[in-house]
Amino acid sequence: MDLNTLILSLFLKSIDNIDFQDAIDFYNNYSSPSNAYIVIIGDVNYDEIKSKVNDLFSGWNSKEVSSEVISLAQIIQMKQK
């Protein structure tokens, strides 16, 4: 088995062990505008997109979040404890 196949296999096994509450917990602990990027690629009008993004994300309030770098495998391990 090559490395890419192994990584994909481990990812698919890991993702099967994550539930909706895990996603909510990850969002609450690690997601904030202060550590997020929005990337828009395509033939778009800058002013229009900037206005839409501001409208859509203006209610996303900044908060303190963990600066710890965490992997999917670590989330799975914590869940199993």
C-alpha atoms as a PDB file:
ATOM      1  CA  MET A   1       0.000   0.000   0.000  1.00  0.00           C
ATOM      2  CA  ASP A   2       1.466   3.350  -0.980  1.00  0.00           C
ATOM      3  CA  LEU A   3       1.575   6.325   1.392  1.00  0.00           C
ATOM      4  CA  ASN A   4      -1.320   8.192  -0.250  1.00  0.00           C
ATOM      5  CA  THR A   5      -3.588   5.153   0.004  1.00  0.00           C
ATOM      6  CA  LEU A   6      -2.603   4.672   3.652  1.00  0.00           C
ATOM      7  CA  ILE A   7      -3.302   8.317   4.501  1.00  0.00           C
ATOM      8  CA  LEU A   8      -6.677   8.203   2.734  1.00  0.00           C
ATOM      9  CA  SER A   9      -7.570   4.972   4.514  1.00  0.00           C
ATOM     10  CA  LEU A  10      -6.703   6.427   7.933  1.00  0.00           C
ATOM     11  CA  PHE A  11      -8.615   9.615   7.141  1.00  0.00           C
ATOM     12  CA  LEU A  12     -11.746   7.707   6.140  1.00  0.00           C
ATOM     13  CA  LYS A  13     -11.576   5.551   9.281  1.00  0.00           C
ATOM     14  CA  SER A  14     -11.123   8.669  11.410  1.00  0.00           C
ATOM     15  CA  ILE A  15     -13.916  10.635   9.808  1.00  0.00           C
ATOM     16  CA  ASP A  16     -16.347   7.788  10.502  1.00  0.00           C
ATOM     17  CA  ASN A  17     -15.686   8.281  14.234  1.00  0.00           C
ATOM     18  CA  ILE A  18     -16.569  11.973  14.304  1.00  0.00           C
ATOM     19  CA  ASP A  19     -20.121  12.998  15.104  1.00  0.00           C
ATOM     20  CA  PHE A  20     -21.979  16.307  14.970  1.00  0.00           C
ATOM     21  CA  GLN A  21     -21.122  17.155  18.582  1.00  0.00           C
ATOM     22  CA  ASP A  22     -17.414  16.782  17.745  1.00  0.00           C
ATOM     23  CA  ALA A  23     -17.846  19.361  14.988  1.00  0.00           C
ATOM     24  CA  ILE A  24     -19.622  21.734  17.377  1.00  0.00           C
ATOM     25  CA  ASP A  25     -16.922  21.272  20.022  1.00  0.00           C
ATOM     26  CA  PHE A  26     -14.179  21.888  17.462  1.00  0.00           C
ATOM     27  CA  TYR A  27     -15.914  25.057  16.285  1.00  0.00           C
ATOM     28  CA  ASN A  28     -16.383  26.325  19.853  1.00  0.00           C
ATOM     29  CA  ASN A  29     -12.793  25.602  20.864  1.00  0.00           C
ATOM     30  CA  TYR A  30     -10.815  26.476  17.742  1.00  0.00           C
ATOM     31  CA  SER A  31     -12.826  28.727  15.391  1.00  0.00           C
ATOM     32  CA  SER A  32     -12.826  32.501  15.536  1.00  0.00           C
ATOM     33  CA  PRO A  33     -12.470  35.310  13.024  1.00  0.00           C
ATOM     34  CA  SER A  34      -9.074  36.007  14.573  1.00  0.00           C
ATOM     35  CA  ASN A  35      -7.715  32.706  13.227  1.00  0.00           C
ATOM     36  CA  ALA A  36      -9.762  32.244  10.052  1.00  0.00           C
ATOM     37  CA  TYR A  37      -9.280  33.079   6.403  1.00  0.00           C
ATOM     38  CA  ILE A  38     -11.848  33.484   3.675  1.00  0.00           C
ATOM     39  CA  VAL A  39     -10.518  32.730   0.208  1.00  0.00           C
ATOM     40  CA  ILE A  40     -12.514  33.596  -2.877  1.00  0.00           C
ATOM     41  CA  ILE A  41     -11.253  32.564  -6.281  1.00  0.00           C
ATOM     42  CA  GLY A  42     -12.857  33.366  -9.577  1.00  0.00           C
ATOM     43  CA  ASP A  43     -13.995  36.071 -11.890  1.00  0.00           C
ATOM     44  CA  VAL A  44     -15.684  38.242  -9.272  1.00  0.00           C
ATOM     45  CA  ASN A  45     -16.147  41.909  -8.584  1.00  0.00           C
ATOM     46  CA  TYR A  46     -14.085  42.786  -5.521  1.00  0.00           C
ATOM     47  CA  ASP A  47     -16.479  45.418  -4.142  1.00  0.00           C
ATOM     48  CA  GLU A  48     -19.530  43.166  -4.544  1.00  0.00           C
ATOM     49  CA  ILE A  49     -17.849  40.174  -2.902  1.00  0.00           C
ATOM     50  CA  LYS A  50     -16.438  42.277  -0.079  1.00  0.00           C
ATOM     51  CA  SER A  51     -19.926  43.628   0.644  1.00  0.00           C
ATOM     52  CA  LYS A  52     -21.480  40.139   0.611  1.00  0.00           C
ATOM     53  CA  VAL A  53     -18.768  38.683   2.840  1.00  0.00           C
ATOM     54  CA  ASN A  54     -19.139  41.552   5.296  1.00  0.00           C
ATOM     55  CA  ASP A  55     -22.912  41.021   5.371  1.00  0.00           C
ATOM     56  CA  LEU A  56     -22.619  37.256   5.858  1.00  0.00           C
ATOM     57  CA  PHE A  57     -19.882  37.274   8.494  1.00  0.00           C
ATOM     58  CA  SER A  58     -20.479  40.543  10.361  1.00  0.00           C
ATOM     59  CA  GLY A  59     -22.248  38.667  13.174  1.00  0.00           C
ATOM     60  CA  TRP A  60     -19.316  36.313  13.745  1.00  0.00           C
ATOM     61  CA  ASN A  61     -17.883  37.732  16.944  1.00  0.00           C
ATOM     62  CA  SER A  62     -14.264  37.227  17.844  1.00  0.00           C
ATOM     63  CA  LYS A  63     -13.478  35.145  20.910  1.00  0.00           C
ATOM     64  CA  GLU A  64     -10.474  33.630  22.553  1.00  0.00           C
ATOM     65  CA  VAL A  65      -9.764  30.181  21.218  1.00  0.00           C
ATOM     66  CA  SER A  66      -7.087  27.614  21.779  1.00  0.00           C
ATOM     67  CA  SER A  67      -3.917  28.279  19.826  1.00  0.00           C
ATOM     68  CA  GLU A  68      -2.972  24.626  20.141  1.00  0.00           C
ATOM     69  CA  VAL A  69      -2.430  22.905  16.819  1.00  0.00           C
ATOM     70  CA  ILE A  70      -4.540  19.766  16.791  1.00  0.00           C
ATOM     71  CA  SER A  71      -4.917  17.015  14.247  1.00  0.00           C
ATOM     72  CA  LEU A  72      -7.877  14.895  13.321  1.00  0.00           C
ATOM     73  CA  ALA A  73      -6.157  11.901  14.909  1.00  0.00           C
ATOM     74  CA  GLN A  74      -5.840  13.762  18.212  1.00  0.00           C
ATOM     75  CA  ILE A  75      -9.554  14.576  18.198  1.00  0.00           C
ATOM     76  CA  ILE A  76     -10.338  10.894  17.715  1.00  0.00           C
ATOM     77  CA  GLN A  77      -7.972   9.906  20.523  1.00  0.00           C
ATOM     78  CA  MET A  78      -9.541  12.426  22.922  1.00  0.00           C
ATOM     79  CA  LYS A  79     -13.001  11.174  22.064  1.00  0.00           C
ATOM     80  CA  GLN A  80     -12.024   7.571  22.794  1.00  0.00           C
ATOM     81  CA  LYS A  81     -10.767   8.398  26.310  1.00  0.00           C
END
